[in-house]
Full PDB file with SEQRES, HELIX, SHEET, SSBOND, CRYST1, ORIGX, SCALE, CONECT and MASTER records, all heavy atoms in Angstrom:
SEQRES   1 A   42  ASN ASP ILE TRP GLU TYR HIS ASN THR SER TYR ASN LEU          
SEQRES   2 A   42  GLY LEU GLY LYS GLY HIS THR HIS LEU ASP LEU LYS SER          
SEQRES   3 A   42  LYS GLU GLY ASP LEU ALA PHE ARG MET HIS LEU ASN ILE          
SEQRES   4 A   42  GLY LEU PRO                                                  
SHEET    1 AA1 3 SER A  10  GLY A  14  0                                        
SHEET    2 AA1 3 THR A  20  SER A  26 -1                                        
SHEET    3 AA1 3 PHE A  33  ILE A  39 -1                                        
CRYST1    1.000    1.000    1.000  90.00  90.00  90.00 P 1           1          
ORIGX1      1.000000  0.000000  0.000000        0.00000                         
ORIGX2      0.000000  1.000000  0.000000        0.00000                         
ORIGX3      0.000000  0.000000  1.000000        0.00000                         
SCALE1      1.000000  0.000000  0.000000        0.00000                         
SCALE2      0.000000  1.000000  0.000000        0.00000                         
SCALE3      0.000000  0.000000  1.000000        0.00000                         
ATOM      1  N   ASN A   1      11.698  -0.150  52.508  1.00  0.00           N  
ATOM      2  CA  ASN A   1      12.976   0.471  52.169  1.00  0.00           C  
ATOM      3  C   ASN A   1      13.894  -0.548  51.510  1.00  0.00           C  
ATOM      4  O   ASN A   1      13.982  -1.692  51.945  1.00  0.00           O  
ATOM      5  CB  ASN A   1      13.633   1.011  53.446  1.00  0.00           C  
ATOM      6  CG  ASN A   1      14.690   2.044  53.149  1.00  0.00           C  
ATOM      7  OD1 ASN A   1      14.731   2.606  52.062  1.00  0.00           O  
ATOM      8  ND2 ASN A   1      15.552   2.291  54.112  1.00  0.00           N  
ATOM      9  N   ASP A   2      14.574  -0.128  50.446  1.00  0.00           N  
ATOM     10  CA  ASP A   2      15.581  -0.955  49.779  1.00  0.00           C  
ATOM     11  C   ASP A   2      15.013  -2.263  49.252  1.00  0.00           C  
ATOM     12  O   ASP A   2      15.639  -3.322  49.368  1.00  0.00           O  
ATOM     13  CB  ASP A   2      16.748  -1.267  50.735  1.00  0.00           C  
ATOM     14  CG  ASP A   2      17.434   0.006  51.186  1.00  0.00           C  
ATOM     15  OD1 ASP A   2      17.469   0.957  50.390  1.00  0.00           O  
ATOM     16  OD2 ASP A   2      17.917   0.050  52.322  1.00  0.00           O  
ATOM     17  N   ILE A   3      13.829  -2.244  48.700  1.00  0.00           N  
ATOM     18  CA  ILE A   3      13.232  -3.442  48.137  1.00  0.00           C  
ATOM     19  C   ILE A   3      13.049  -3.272  46.641  1.00  0.00           C  
ATOM     20  O   ILE A   3      12.178  -2.561  46.184  1.00  0.00           O  
ATOM     21  CB  ILE A   3      11.870  -3.768  48.793  1.00  0.00           C  
ATOM     22  CG1 ILE A   3      12.058  -3.957  50.287  1.00  0.00           C  
ATOM     23  CG2 ILE A   3      11.253  -5.013  48.185  1.00  0.00           C  
ATOM     24  CD1 ILE A   3      12.971  -5.095  50.671  1.00  0.00           C  
ATOM     25  N   TRP A   4      13.847  -3.934  45.858  1.00  0.00           N  
ATOM     26  CA  TRP A   4      13.747  -3.982  44.407  1.00  0.00           C  
ATOM     27  C   TRP A   4      13.309  -2.643  43.832  1.00  0.00           C  
ATOM     28  O   TRP A   4      13.696  -1.571  44.267  1.00  0.00           O  
ATOM     29  CB  TRP A   4      12.785  -5.081  43.955  1.00  0.00           C  
ATOM     30  CG  TRP A   4      12.953  -6.360  44.682  1.00  0.00           C  
ATOM     31  CD1 TRP A   4      14.116  -7.030  44.902  1.00  0.00           C  
ATOM     32  CD2 TRP A   4      11.932  -7.132  45.311  1.00  0.00           C  
ATOM     33  NE1 TRP A   4      13.887  -8.162  45.611  1.00  0.00           N  
ATOM     34  CE2 TRP A   4      12.558  -8.260  45.877  1.00  0.00           C  
ATOM     35  CE3 TRP A   4      10.558  -6.991  45.434  1.00  0.00           C  
ATOM     36  CZ2 TRP A   4      11.859  -9.240  46.553  1.00  0.00           C  
ATOM     37  CZ3 TRP A   4       9.867  -7.966  46.112  1.00  0.00           C  
ATOM     38  CH2 TRP A   4      10.514  -9.065  46.661  1.00  0.00           C  
ATOM     39  N   GLU A   5      12.432  -2.726  42.827  1.00  0.00           N  
ATOM     40  CA  GLU A   5      11.753  -1.541  42.352  1.00  0.00           C  
ATOM     41  C   GLU A   5      10.693  -1.213  43.399  1.00  0.00           C  
ATOM     42  O   GLU A   5      10.206  -2.100  44.084  1.00  0.00           O  
ATOM     43  CB  GLU A   5      11.109  -1.834  40.994  1.00  0.00           C  
ATOM     44  CG  GLU A   5      12.163  -2.155  39.952  1.00  0.00           C  
ATOM     45  CD  GLU A   5      11.605  -2.944  38.781  1.00  0.00           C  
ATOM     46  OE1 GLU A   5      10.465  -3.406  38.881  1.00  0.00           O  
ATOM     47  OE2 GLU A   5      12.333  -3.091  37.789  1.00  0.00           O  
ATOM     48  N   TYR A   6      10.364   0.064  43.518  1.00  0.00           N  
ATOM     49  CA  TYR A   6       9.512   0.422  44.644  1.00  0.00           C  
ATOM     50  C   TYR A   6       8.240  -0.411  44.627  1.00  0.00           C  
ATOM     51  O   TYR A   6       7.587  -0.576  43.632  1.00  0.00           O  
ATOM     52  CB  TYR A   6       9.234   1.932  44.701  1.00  0.00           C  
ATOM     53  CG  TYR A   6       8.453   2.529  43.578  1.00  0.00           C  
ATOM     54  CD1 TYR A   6       7.070   2.493  43.583  1.00  0.00           C  
ATOM     55  CD2 TYR A   6       9.102   3.167  42.523  1.00  0.00           C  
ATOM     56  CE1 TYR A   6       6.339   3.076  42.571  1.00  0.00           C  
ATOM     57  CE2 TYR A   6       8.380   3.759  41.504  1.00  0.00           C  
ATOM     58  CZ  TYR A   6       7.002   3.713  41.532  1.00  0.00           C  
ATOM     59  OH  TYR A   6       6.286   4.293  40.527  1.00  0.00           O  
ATOM     60  N   HIS A   7       7.932  -0.969  45.767  1.00  0.00           N  
ATOM     61  CA  HIS A   7       6.965  -2.041  45.899  1.00  0.00           C  
ATOM     62  C   HIS A   7       5.905  -1.605  46.893  1.00  0.00           C  
ATOM     63  O   HIS A   7       6.166  -1.511  48.083  1.00  0.00           O  
ATOM     64  CB  HIS A   7       7.695  -3.285  46.407  1.00  0.00           C  
ATOM     65  CG  HIS A   7       7.090  -4.574  45.971  1.00  0.00           C  
ATOM     66  ND1 HIS A   7       5.817  -4.944  46.291  1.00  0.00           N  
ATOM     67  CD2 HIS A   7       7.599  -5.582  45.231  1.00  0.00           C  
ATOM     68  CE1 HIS A   7       5.566  -6.148  45.776  1.00  0.00           C  
ATOM     69  NE2 HIS A   7       6.630  -6.548  45.131  1.00  0.00           N  
ATOM     70  N   ASN A   8       4.707  -1.302  46.440  1.00  0.00           N  
ATOM     71  CA  ASN A   8       3.647  -0.818  47.313  1.00  0.00           C  
ATOM     72  C   ASN A   8       2.847  -1.975  47.889  1.00  0.00           C  
ATOM     73  O   ASN A   8       2.442  -2.882  47.167  1.00  0.00           O  
ATOM     74  CB  ASN A   8       2.704   0.113  46.553  1.00  0.00           C  
ATOM     75  CG  ASN A   8       3.376   1.410  46.152  1.00  0.00           C  
ATOM     76  OD1 ASN A   8       4.265   1.875  46.840  1.00  0.00           O  
ATOM     77  ND2 ASN A   8       2.955   1.971  45.040  1.00  0.00           N  
ATOM     78  N   THR A   9       2.609  -1.919  49.175  1.00  0.00           N  
ATOM     79  CA  THR A   9       1.779  -2.906  49.852  1.00  0.00           C  
ATOM     80  C   THR A   9       0.624  -2.192  50.534  1.00  0.00           C  
ATOM     81  O   THR A   9       0.835  -1.238  51.285  1.00  0.00           O  
ATOM     82  CB  THR A   9       2.583  -3.684  50.911  1.00  0.00           C  
ATOM     83  OG1 THR A   9       3.730  -4.269  50.302  1.00  0.00           O  
ATOM     84  CG2 THR A   9       1.724  -4.778  51.526  1.00  0.00           C  
ATOM     85  N   SER A  10      -0.587  -2.634  50.267  1.00  0.00           N  
ATOM     86  CA  SER A  10      -1.754  -2.039  50.939  1.00  0.00           C  
ATOM     87  C   SER A  10      -2.132  -2.896  52.133  1.00  0.00           C  
ATOM     88  O   SER A  10      -2.038  -4.125  52.109  1.00  0.00           O  
ATOM     89  CB  SER A  10      -2.932  -1.910  49.974  1.00  0.00           C  
ATOM     90  OG  SER A  10      -3.363  -3.185  49.532  1.00  0.00           O  
ATOM     91  N   TYR A  11      -2.546  -2.228  53.198  1.00  0.00           N  
ATOM     92  CA  TYR A  11      -2.868  -2.851  54.478  1.00  0.00           C  
ATOM     93  C   TYR A  11      -4.199  -2.269  54.904  1.00  0.00           C  
ATOM     94  O   TYR A  11      -4.292  -1.083  55.225  1.00  0.00           O  
ATOM     95  CB  TYR A  11      -1.757  -2.506  55.465  1.00  0.00           C  
ATOM     96  CG  TYR A  11      -1.878  -3.055  56.866  1.00  0.00           C  
ATOM     97  CD1 TYR A  11      -1.142  -4.169  57.249  1.00  0.00           C  
ATOM     98  CD2 TYR A  11      -2.679  -2.448  57.822  1.00  0.00           C  
ATOM     99  CE1 TYR A  11      -1.209  -4.655  58.547  1.00  0.00           C  
ATOM    100  CE2 TYR A  11      -2.757  -2.928  59.115  1.00  0.00           C  
ATOM    101  CZ  TYR A  11      -2.012  -4.026  59.470  1.00  0.00           C  
ATOM    102  OH  TYR A  11      -2.079  -4.513  60.753  1.00  0.00           O  
ATOM    103  N   ASN A  12      -5.248  -3.070  54.861  1.00  0.00           N  
ATOM    104  CA  ASN A  12      -6.597  -2.573  55.115  1.00  0.00           C  
ATOM    105  C   ASN A  12      -7.277  -3.393  56.202  1.00  0.00           C  
ATOM    106  O   ASN A  12      -7.355  -4.625  56.119  1.00  0.00           O  
ATOM    107  CB  ASN A  12      -7.432  -2.621  53.828  1.00  0.00           C  
ATOM    108  CG  ASN A  12      -6.948  -1.613  52.801  1.00  0.00           C  
ATOM    109  OD1 ASN A  12      -7.178  -0.422  52.924  1.00  0.00           O  
ATOM    110  ND2 ASN A  12      -6.246  -2.096  51.782  1.00  0.00           N  
ATOM    111  N   LEU A  13      -7.772  -2.685  57.200  1.00  0.00           N  
ATOM    112  CA  LEU A  13      -8.439  -3.305  58.334  1.00  0.00           C  
ATOM    113  C   LEU A  13      -9.931  -3.058  58.224  1.00  0.00           C  
ATOM    114  O   LEU A  13     -10.386  -1.927  58.085  1.00  0.00           O  
ATOM    115  CB  LEU A  13      -7.902  -2.696  59.633  1.00  0.00           C  
ATOM    116  CG  LEU A  13      -8.525  -3.172  60.943  1.00  0.00           C  
ATOM    117  CD1 LEU A  13      -8.205  -4.633  61.199  1.00  0.00           C  
ATOM    118  CD2 LEU A  13      -8.021  -2.301  62.107  1.00  0.00           C  
ATOM    119  N   GLY A  14     -10.701  -4.146  58.261  1.00  0.00           N  
ATOM    120  CA  GLY A  14     -12.154  -4.044  58.251  1.00  0.00           C  
ATOM    121  C   GLY A  14     -12.694  -4.363  59.627  1.00  0.00           C  
ATOM    122  O   GLY A  14     -12.506  -5.479  60.139  1.00  0.00           O  
ATOM    123  N   LEU A  15     -13.349  -3.398  60.248  1.00  0.00           N  
ATOM    124  CA  LEU A  15     -13.841  -3.562  61.615  1.00  0.00           C  
ATOM    125  C   LEU A  15     -15.355  -3.671  61.613  1.00  0.00           C  
ATOM    126  O   LEU A  15     -16.053  -2.812  61.053  1.00  0.00           O  
ATOM    127  CB  LEU A  15     -13.426  -2.364  62.473  1.00  0.00           C  
ATOM    128  CG  LEU A  15     -11.926  -2.164  62.701  1.00  0.00           C  
ATOM    129  CD1 LEU A  15     -11.668  -0.801  63.330  1.00  0.00           C  
ATOM    130  CD2 LEU A  15     -11.366  -3.267  63.592  1.00  0.00           C  
ATOM    131  N   GLY A  16     -15.853  -4.737  62.214  1.00  0.00           N  
ATOM    132  CA  GLY A  16     -17.290  -4.918  62.325  1.00  0.00           C  
ATOM    133  C   GLY A  16     -17.617  -5.759  63.541  1.00  0.00           C  
ATOM    134  O   GLY A  16     -16.766  -6.491  64.053  1.00  0.00           O  
ATOM    135  N   LYS A  17     -18.838  -5.671  64.008  1.00  0.00           N  
ATOM    136  CA  LYS A  17     -19.235  -6.461  65.174  1.00  0.00           C  
ATOM    137  C   LYS A  17     -19.298  -7.930  64.797  1.00  0.00           C  
ATOM    138  O   LYS A  17     -20.071  -8.328  63.936  1.00  0.00           O  
ATOM    139  CB  LYS A  17     -20.580  -5.966  65.710  1.00  0.00           C  
ATOM    140  CG  LYS A  17     -20.478  -4.590  66.365  1.00  0.00           C  
ATOM    141  CD  LYS A  17     -21.729  -4.238  67.143  1.00  0.00           C  
ATOM    142  CE  LYS A  17     -21.523  -2.959  67.945  1.00  0.00           C  
ATOM    143  NZ  LYS A  17     -22.712  -2.593  68.733  1.00  0.00           N  
ATOM    144  N   GLY A  18     -18.471  -8.725  65.440  1.00  0.00           N  
ATOM    145  CA  GLY A  18     -18.461 -10.160  65.186  1.00  0.00           C  
ATOM    146  C   GLY A  18     -17.634 -10.573  63.982  1.00  0.00           C  
ATOM    147  O   GLY A  18     -17.495 -11.756  63.700  1.00  0.00           O  
ATOM    148  N   HIS A  19     -17.070  -9.621  63.249  1.00  0.00           N  
ATOM    149  CA  HIS A  19     -16.312  -9.988  62.051  1.00  0.00           C  
ATOM    150  C   HIS A  19     -15.280  -8.896  61.751  1.00  0.00           C  
ATOM    151  O   HIS A  19     -15.625  -7.799  61.319  1.00  0.00           O  
ATOM    152  CB  HIS A  19     -17.241 -10.159  60.849  1.00  0.00           C  
ATOM    153  CG  HIS A  19     -16.524 -10.588  59.608  1.00  0.00           C  
ATOM    154  ND1 HIS A  19     -17.034 -10.395  58.341  1.00  0.00           N  
ATOM    155  CD2 HIS A  19     -15.322 -11.182  59.439  1.00  0.00           C  
ATOM    156  CE1 HIS A  19     -16.179 -10.865  57.447  1.00  0.00           C  
ATOM    157  NE2 HIS A  19     -15.139 -11.350  58.097  1.00  0.00           N  
ATOM    158  N   THR A  20     -14.042  -9.207  61.999  1.00  0.00           N  
ATOM    159  CA  THR A  20     -12.950  -8.282  61.694  1.00  0.00           C  
ATOM    160  C   THR A  20     -11.986  -8.989  60.763  1.00  0.00           C  
ATOM    161  O   THR A  20     -11.691 -10.176  60.933  1.00  0.00           O  
ATOM    162  CB  THR A  20     -12.224  -7.849  62.982  1.00  0.00           C  
ATOM    163  OG1 THR A  20     -13.136  -7.126  63.805  1.00  0.00           O  
ATOM    164  CG2 THR A  20     -11.023  -6.976  62.678  1.00  0.00           C  
ATOM    165  N   HIS A  21     -11.509  -8.279  59.758  1.00  0.00           N  
ATOM    166  CA  HIS A  21     -10.568  -8.898  58.825  1.00  0.00           C  
ATOM    167  C   HIS A  21      -9.459  -7.929  58.464  1.00  0.00           C  
ATOM    168  O   HIS A  21      -9.570  -6.711  58.644  1.00  0.00           O  
ATOM    169  CB  HIS A  21     -11.279  -9.375  57.550  1.00  0.00           C  
ATOM    170  CG  HIS A  21     -11.734  -8.252  56.662  1.00  0.00           C  
ATOM    171  ND1 HIS A  21     -13.002  -7.721  56.728  1.00  0.00           N  
ATOM    172  CD2 HIS A  21     -11.087  -7.556  55.696  1.00  0.00           C  
ATOM    173  CE1 HIS A  21     -13.125  -6.749  55.850  1.00  0.00           C  
ATOM    174  NE2 HIS A  21     -11.981  -6.617  55.191  1.00  0.00           N  
ATOM    175  N   LEU A  22      -8.378  -8.499  57.966  1.00  0.00           N  
ATOM    176  CA  LEU A  22      -7.218  -7.739  57.548  1.00  0.00           C  
ATOM    177  C   LEU A  22      -6.841  -8.187  56.149  1.00  0.00           C  
ATOM    178  O   LEU A  22      -6.698  -9.383  55.889  1.00  0.00           O  
ATOM    179  CB  LEU A  22      -6.059  -7.985  58.515  1.00  0.00           C  
ATOM    180  CG  LEU A  22      -4.779  -7.186  58.340  1.00  0.00           C  
ATOM    181  CD1 LEU A  22      -5.047  -5.700  58.519  1.00  0.00           C  
ATOM    182  CD2 LEU A  22      -3.744  -7.652  59.368  1.00  0.00           C  
ATOM    183  N   ASP A  23      -6.717  -7.232  55.230  1.00  0.00           N  
ATOM    184  CA  ASP A  23      -6.312  -7.529  53.852  1.00  0.00           C  
ATOM    185  C   ASP A  23      -4.951  -6.918  53.575  1.00  0.00           C  
ATOM    186  O   ASP A  23      -4.735  -5.730  53.859  1.00  0.00           O  
ATOM    187  CB  ASP A  23      -7.321  -6.948  52.845  1.00  0.00           C  
ATOM    188  CG  ASP A  23      -8.602  -7.766  52.779  1.00  0.00           C  
ATOM    189  OD1 ASP A  23      -8.498  -8.974  52.558  1.00  0.00           O  
ATOM    190  OD2 ASP A  23      -9.682  -7.185  52.959  1.00  0.00           O  
ATOM    191  N   LEU A  24      -4.048  -7.716  53.023  1.00  0.00           N  
ATOM    192  CA  LEU A  24      -2.769  -7.218  52.543  1.00  0.00           C  
ATOM    193  C   LEU A  24      -2.664  -7.558  51.069  1.00  0.00           C  
ATOM    194  O   LEU A  24      -2.990  -8.676  50.654  1.00  0.00           O  
ATOM    195  CB  LEU A  24      -1.593  -7.843  53.295  1.00  0.00           C  
ATOM    196  CG  LEU A  24      -1.410  -7.388  54.742  1.00  0.00           C  
ATOM    197  CD1 LEU A  24      -2.119  -8.346  55.675  1.00  0.00           C  
ATOM    198  CD2 LEU A  24       0.073  -7.324  55.081  1.00  0.00           C  
ATOM    199  N   LYS A  25      -2.192  -6.603  50.288  1.00  0.00           N  
ATOM    200  CA  LYS A  25      -2.134  -6.827  48.851  1.00  0.00           C  
ATOM    201  C   LYS A  25      -0.968  -6.067  48.254  1.00  0.00           C  
ATOM    202  O   LYS A  25      -0.720  -4.916  48.593  1.00  0.00           O  
ATOM    203  CB  LYS A  25      -3.448  -6.383  48.195  1.00  0.00           C  
ATOM    204  CG  LYS A  25      -3.493  -6.580  46.676  1.00  0.00           C  
ATOM    205  CD  LYS A  25      -4.879  -6.298  46.121  1.00  0.00           C  
ATOM    206  CE  LYS A  25      -5.284  -4.862  46.304  1.00  0.00           C  
ATOM    207  NZ  LYS A  25      -6.576  -4.550  45.653  1.00  0.00           N  
ATOM    208  N   SER A  26      -0.265  -6.737  47.353  1.00  0.00           N  
ATOM    209  CA  SER A  26       0.765  -6.074  46.568  1.00  0.00           C  
ATOM    210  C   SER A  26       0.649  -6.583  45.141  1.00  0.00           C  
ATOM    211  O   SER A  26       0.521  -7.784  44.912  1.00  0.00           O  
ATOM    212  CB  SER A  26       2.163  -6.368  47.123  1.00  0.00           C  
ATOM    213  OG  SER A  26       3.138  -5.730  46.325  1.00  0.00           O  
ATOM    214  N   LYS A  27       0.675  -5.682  44.191  1.00  0.00           N  
ATOM    215  CA  LYS A  27       0.523  -6.101  42.805  1.00  0.00           C  
ATOM    216  C   LYS A  27       1.618  -5.519  41.914  1.00  0.00           C  
ATOM    217  O   LYS A  27       1.494  -5.491  40.710  1.00  0.00           O  
ATOM    218  CB  LYS A  27      -0.844  -5.689  42.273  1.00  0.00           C  
ATOM    219  CG  LYS A  27      -1.149  -4.199  42.353  1.00  0.00           C  
ATOM    220  CD  LYS A  27      -2.555  -3.904  41.857  1.00  0.00           C  
ATOM    221  CE  LYS A  27      -2.871  -2.413  41.940  1.00  0.00           C  
ATOM    222  NZ  LYS A  27      -4.229  -2.099  41.469  1.00  0.00           N  
ATOM    223  N   GLU A  28       2.698  -5.053  42.537  1.00  0.00           N  
ATOM    224  CA  GLU A  28       3.786  -4.472  41.770  1.00  0.00           C  
ATOM    225  C   GLU A  28       5.056  -5.290  41.944  1.00  0.00           C  
ATOM    226  O   GLU A  28       5.210  -6.042  42.894  1.00  0.00           O  
ATOM    227  CB  GLU A  28       4.046  -3.031  42.220  1.00  0.00           C  
ATOM    228  CG  GLU A  28       2.863  -2.112  41.984  1.00  0.00           C  
ATOM    229  CD  GLU A  28       3.202  -0.682  42.369  1.00  0.00           C  
ATOM    230  OE1 GLU A  28       4.116  -0.119  41.767  1.00  0.00           O  
ATOM    231  OE2 GLU A  28       2.557  -0.161  43.272  1.00  0.00           O  
ATOM    232  N   GLY A  29       5.984  -5.109  41.032  1.00  0.00           N  
ATOM    233  CA  GLY A  29       7.282  -5.746  41.161  1.00  0.00           C  
ATOM    234  C   GLY A  29       7.238  -7.232  40.874  1.00  0.00           C  
ATOM    235  O   GLY A  29       6.302  -7.756  40.269  1.00  0.00           O  
ATOM    236  N   ASP A  30       8.265  -7.937  41.343  1.00  0.00           N  
ATOM    237  CA  ASP A  30       8.409  -9.354  41.047  1.00  0.00           C  
ATOM    238  C   ASP A  30       7.485 -10.232  41.881  1.00  0.00           C  
ATOM    239  O   ASP A  30       7.259 -11.389  41.550  1.00  0.00           O  
ATOM    240  CB  ASP A  30       9.859  -9.792  41.298  1.00  0.00           C  
ATOM    241  CG  ASP A  30      10.834  -9.074  40.386  1.00  0.00           C  
ATOM    242  OD1 ASP A  30      10.398  -8.651  39.298  1.00  0.00           O  
ATOM    243  OD2 ASP A  30      12.002  -8.923  40.761  1.00  0.00           O  
ATOM    244  N   LEU A  31       7.004  -9.706  42.989  1.00  0.00           N  
ATOM    245  CA  LEU A  31       6.204 -10.515  43.899  1.00  0.00           C  
ATOM    246  C   LEU A  31       4.820  -9.910  44.040  1.00  0.00           C  
ATOM    247  O   LEU A  31       4.650  -8.831  44.596  1.00  0.00           O  
ATOM    248  CB  LEU A  31       6.875 -10.584  45.272  1.00  0.00           C  
ATOM    249  CG  LEU A  31       6.136 -11.400  46.322  1.00  0.00           C  
ATOM    250  CD1 LEU A  31       6.058 -12.858  45.925  1.00  0.00           C  
ATOM    251  CD2 LEU A  31       6.815 -11.257  47.668  1.00  0.00           C  
ATOM    252  N   ALA A  32       3.821 -10.593  43.528  1.00  0.00           N  
ATOM    253  CA  ALA A  32       2.439 -10.144  43.669  1.00  0.00           C  
ATOM    254  C   ALA A  32       1.722 -11.100  44.603  1.00  0.00           C  
ATOM    255  O   ALA A  32       1.850 -12.314  44.477  1.00  0.00           O  
ATOM    256  CB  ALA A  32       1.750 -10.113  42.309  1.00  0.00           C  
ATOM    257  N   PHE A  33       0.999 -10.564  45.561  1.00  0.00           N  
ATOM    258  CA  PHE A  33       0.287 -11.445  46.485  1.00  0.00           C  
ATOM    259  C   PHE A  33      -0.941 -10.738  47.021  1.00  0.00           C  
ATOM    260  O   PHE A  33      -1.072  -9.515  46.963  1.00  0.00           O  
ATOM    261  CB  PHE A  33       1.190 -11.880  47.652  1.00  0.00           C  
ATOM    262  CG  PHE A  33       1.641 -10.744  48.533  1.00  0.00           C  
ATOM    263  CD1 PHE A  33       0.852 -10.293  49.572  1.00  0.00           C  
ATOM    264  CD2 PHE A  33       2.861 -10.128  48.316  1.00  0.00           C  
ATOM    265  CE1 PHE A  33       1.260  -9.248  50.378  1.00  0.00           C  
ATOM    266  CE2 PHE A  33       3.281  -9.087  49.118  1.00  0.00           C  
ATOM    267  CZ  PHE A  33       2.484  -8.650  50.154  1.00  0.00           C  
ATOM    268  N   ARG A  34      -1.842 -11.551  47.540  1.00  0.00           N  
ATOM    269  CA  ARG A  34      -3.014 -11.014  48.223  1.00  0.00           C  
ATOM    270  C   ARG A  34      -3.345 -11.935  49.379  1.00  0.00           C  
ATOM    271  O   ARG A  34      -3.374 -13.163  49.218  1.00  0.00           O  
ATOM    272  CB  ARG A  34      -4.206 -10.915  47.267  1.00  0.00           C  
ATOM    273  CG  ARG A  34      -5.450 -10.359  47.941  1.00  0.00           C  
ATOM    274  CD  ARG A  34      -6.546 -10.077  46.945  1.00  0.00           C  
ATOM    275  NE  ARG A  34      -7.702  -9.488  47.592  1.00  0.00           N  
ATOM    276  CZ  ARG A  34      -8.759  -9.023  46.944  1.00  0.00           C  
ATOM    277  NH1 ARG A  34      -8.803  -9.084  45.634  1.00  0.00           N  
ATOM    278  NH2 ARG A  34      -9.767  -8.506  47.605  1.00  0.00           N  
ATOM    279  N   MET A  35      -3.579 -11.361  50.546  1.00  0.00           N  
ATOM    280  CA  MET A  35      -3.902 -12.149  51.734  1.00  0.00           C  
ATOM    281  C   MET A  35      -5.154 -11.587  52.372  1.00  0.00           C  
ATOM    282  O   MET A  35      -5.305 -10.371  52.501  1.00  0.00           O  
ATOM    283  CB  MET A  35      -2.748 -12.092  52.745  1.00  0.00           C  
ATOM    284  CG  MET A  35      -1.465 -12.707  52.256  1.00  0.00           C  
ATOM    285  SD  MET A  35      -0.042 -12.225  53.268  1.00  0.00           S  
ATOM    286  CE  MET A  35      -0.673 -12.438  54.912  1.00  0.00           C  
ATOM    287  N   HIS A  36      -6.059 -12.464  52.739  1.00  0.00           N  
ATOM    288  CA  HIS A  36      -7.267 -12.068  53.464  1.00  0.00           C  
ATOM    289  C   HIS A  36      -7.264 -12.824  54.782  1.00  0.00           C  
ATOM    290  O   HIS A  36      -7.334 -14.056  54.796  1.00  0.00           O  
ATOM    291  CB  HIS A  36      -8.524 -12.397  52.659  1.00  0.00           C  
ATOM    292  CG  HIS A  36      -9.798 -12.018  53.360  1.00  0.00           C  
ATOM    293  ND1 HIS A  36     -10.305 -10.733  53.321  1.00  0.00           N  
ATOM    294  CD2 HIS A  36     -10.646 -12.749  54.123  1.00  0.00           C  
ATOM    295  CE1 HIS A  36     -11.421 -10.696  54.037  1.00  0.00           C  
ATOM    296  NE2 HIS A  36     -11.643 -11.899  54.521  1.00  0.00           N  
ATOM    297  N   LEU A  37      -7.155 -12.106  55.894  1.00  0.00           N  
ATOM    298  CA  LEU A  37      -7.034 -12.725  57.202  1.00  0.00           C  
ATOM    299  C   LEU A  37      -8.269 -12.429  58.031  1.00  0.00           C  
ATOM    300  O   LEU A  37      -8.590 -11.265  58.280  1.00  0.00           O  
ATOM    301  CB  LEU A  37      -5.798 -12.188  57.931  1.00  0.00           C  
ATOM    302  CG  LEU A  37      -4.505 -12.081  57.127  1.00  0.00           C  
ATOM    303  CD1 LEU A  37      -3.421 -11.420  57.963  1.00  0.00           C  
ATOM    304  CD2 LEU A  37      -4.052 -13.449  56.658  1.00  0.00           C  
ATOM    305  N   ASN A  38      -8.981 -13.461  58.432  1.00  0.00           N  
ATOM    306  CA  ASN A  38     -10.091 -13.294  59.365  1.00  0.00           C  
ATOM    307  C   ASN A  38      -9.521 -13.363  60.775  1.00  0.00           C  
ATOM    308  O   ASN A  38      -8.900 -14.354  61.148  1.00  0.00           O  
ATOM    309  CB  ASN A  38     -11.134 -14.387  59.168  1.00  0.00           C  
ATOM    310  CG  ASN A  38     -11.838 -14.246  57.835  1.00  0.00           C  
ATOM    311  OD1 ASN A  38     -12.241 -13.163  57.459  1.00  0.00           O  
ATOM    312  ND2 ASN A  38     -11.973 -15.357  57.114  1.00  0.00           N  
ATOM    313  N   ILE A  39      -9.714 -12.322  61.540  1.00  0.00           N  
ATOM    314  CA  ILE A  39      -9.118 -12.284  62.870  1.00  0.00           C  
ATOM    315  C   ILE A  39     -10.182 -11.975  63.899  1.00  0.00           C  
ATOM    316  O   ILE A  39     -11.231 -11.406  63.595  1.00  0.00           O  
ATOM    317  CB  ILE A  39      -7.997 -11.229  62.960  1.00  0.00           C  
ATOM    318  CG1 ILE A  39      -8.537  -9.830  62.662  1.00  0.00           C  
ATOM    319  CG2 ILE A  39      -6.853 -11.562  62.025  1.00  0.00           C  
ATOM    320  CD1 ILE A  39      -7.500  -8.738  62.789  1.00  0.00           C  
ATOM    321  N   GLY A  40      -9.890 -12.371  65.115  1.00  0.00           N  
ATOM    322  CA  GLY A  40     -10.783 -12.059  66.222  1.00  0.00           C  
ATOM    323  C   GLY A  40     -10.178 -10.966  67.083  1.00  0.00           C  
ATOM    324  O   GLY A  40      -8.965 -10.829  67.172  1.00  0.00           O  
ATOM    325  N   LEU A  41     -11.029 -10.178  67.703  1.00  0.00           N  
ATOM    326  CA  LEU A  41     -10.576  -9.163  68.649  1.00  0.00           C  
ATOM    327  C   LEU A  41     -11.107  -9.506  70.030  1.00  0.00           C  
ATOM    328  O   LEU A  41     -12.276  -9.848  70.176  1.00  0.00           O  
ATOM    329  CB  LEU A  41     -11.076  -7.775  68.236  1.00  0.00           C  
ATOM    330  CG  LEU A  41     -10.478  -7.181  66.961  1.00  0.00           C  
ATOM    331  CD1 LEU A  41     -11.124  -5.829  66.656  1.00  0.00           C  
ATOM    332  CD2 LEU A  41      -8.977  -7.016  67.078  1.00  0.00           C  
ATOM    333  N   PRO A  42     -10.267  -9.447  71.054  1.00  0.00           N  
ATOM    334  CA  PRO A  42      -8.854  -9.106  71.018  1.00  0.00           C  
ATOM    335  C   PRO A  42      -8.038 -10.141  70.231  1.00  0.00           C  
ATOM    336  O   PRO A  42      -8.327 -11.332  70.312  1.00  0.00           O  
ATOM    337  CB  PRO A  42      -8.443  -9.089  72.484  1.00  0.00           C  
ATOM    338  CG  PRO A  42      -9.704  -9.012  73.264  1.00  0.00           C  
ATOM    339  CD  PRO A  42     -10.732  -9.701  72.437  1.00  0.00           C  
TER     340      PRO A  42                                                      
MASTER        0    0    0    0    3    0    0    6  339    1    0    4          
END                                                                             
């Protein structure tokens, strides 16, 4: 809400046995970024 020109961020969770990851990506507006996070569960 209230961020520059409307700025879409994708949030994708990959679930697998022994390997879970989280991807965040935005490619619009003034700030473009991509993050790939390897996380453990719990």
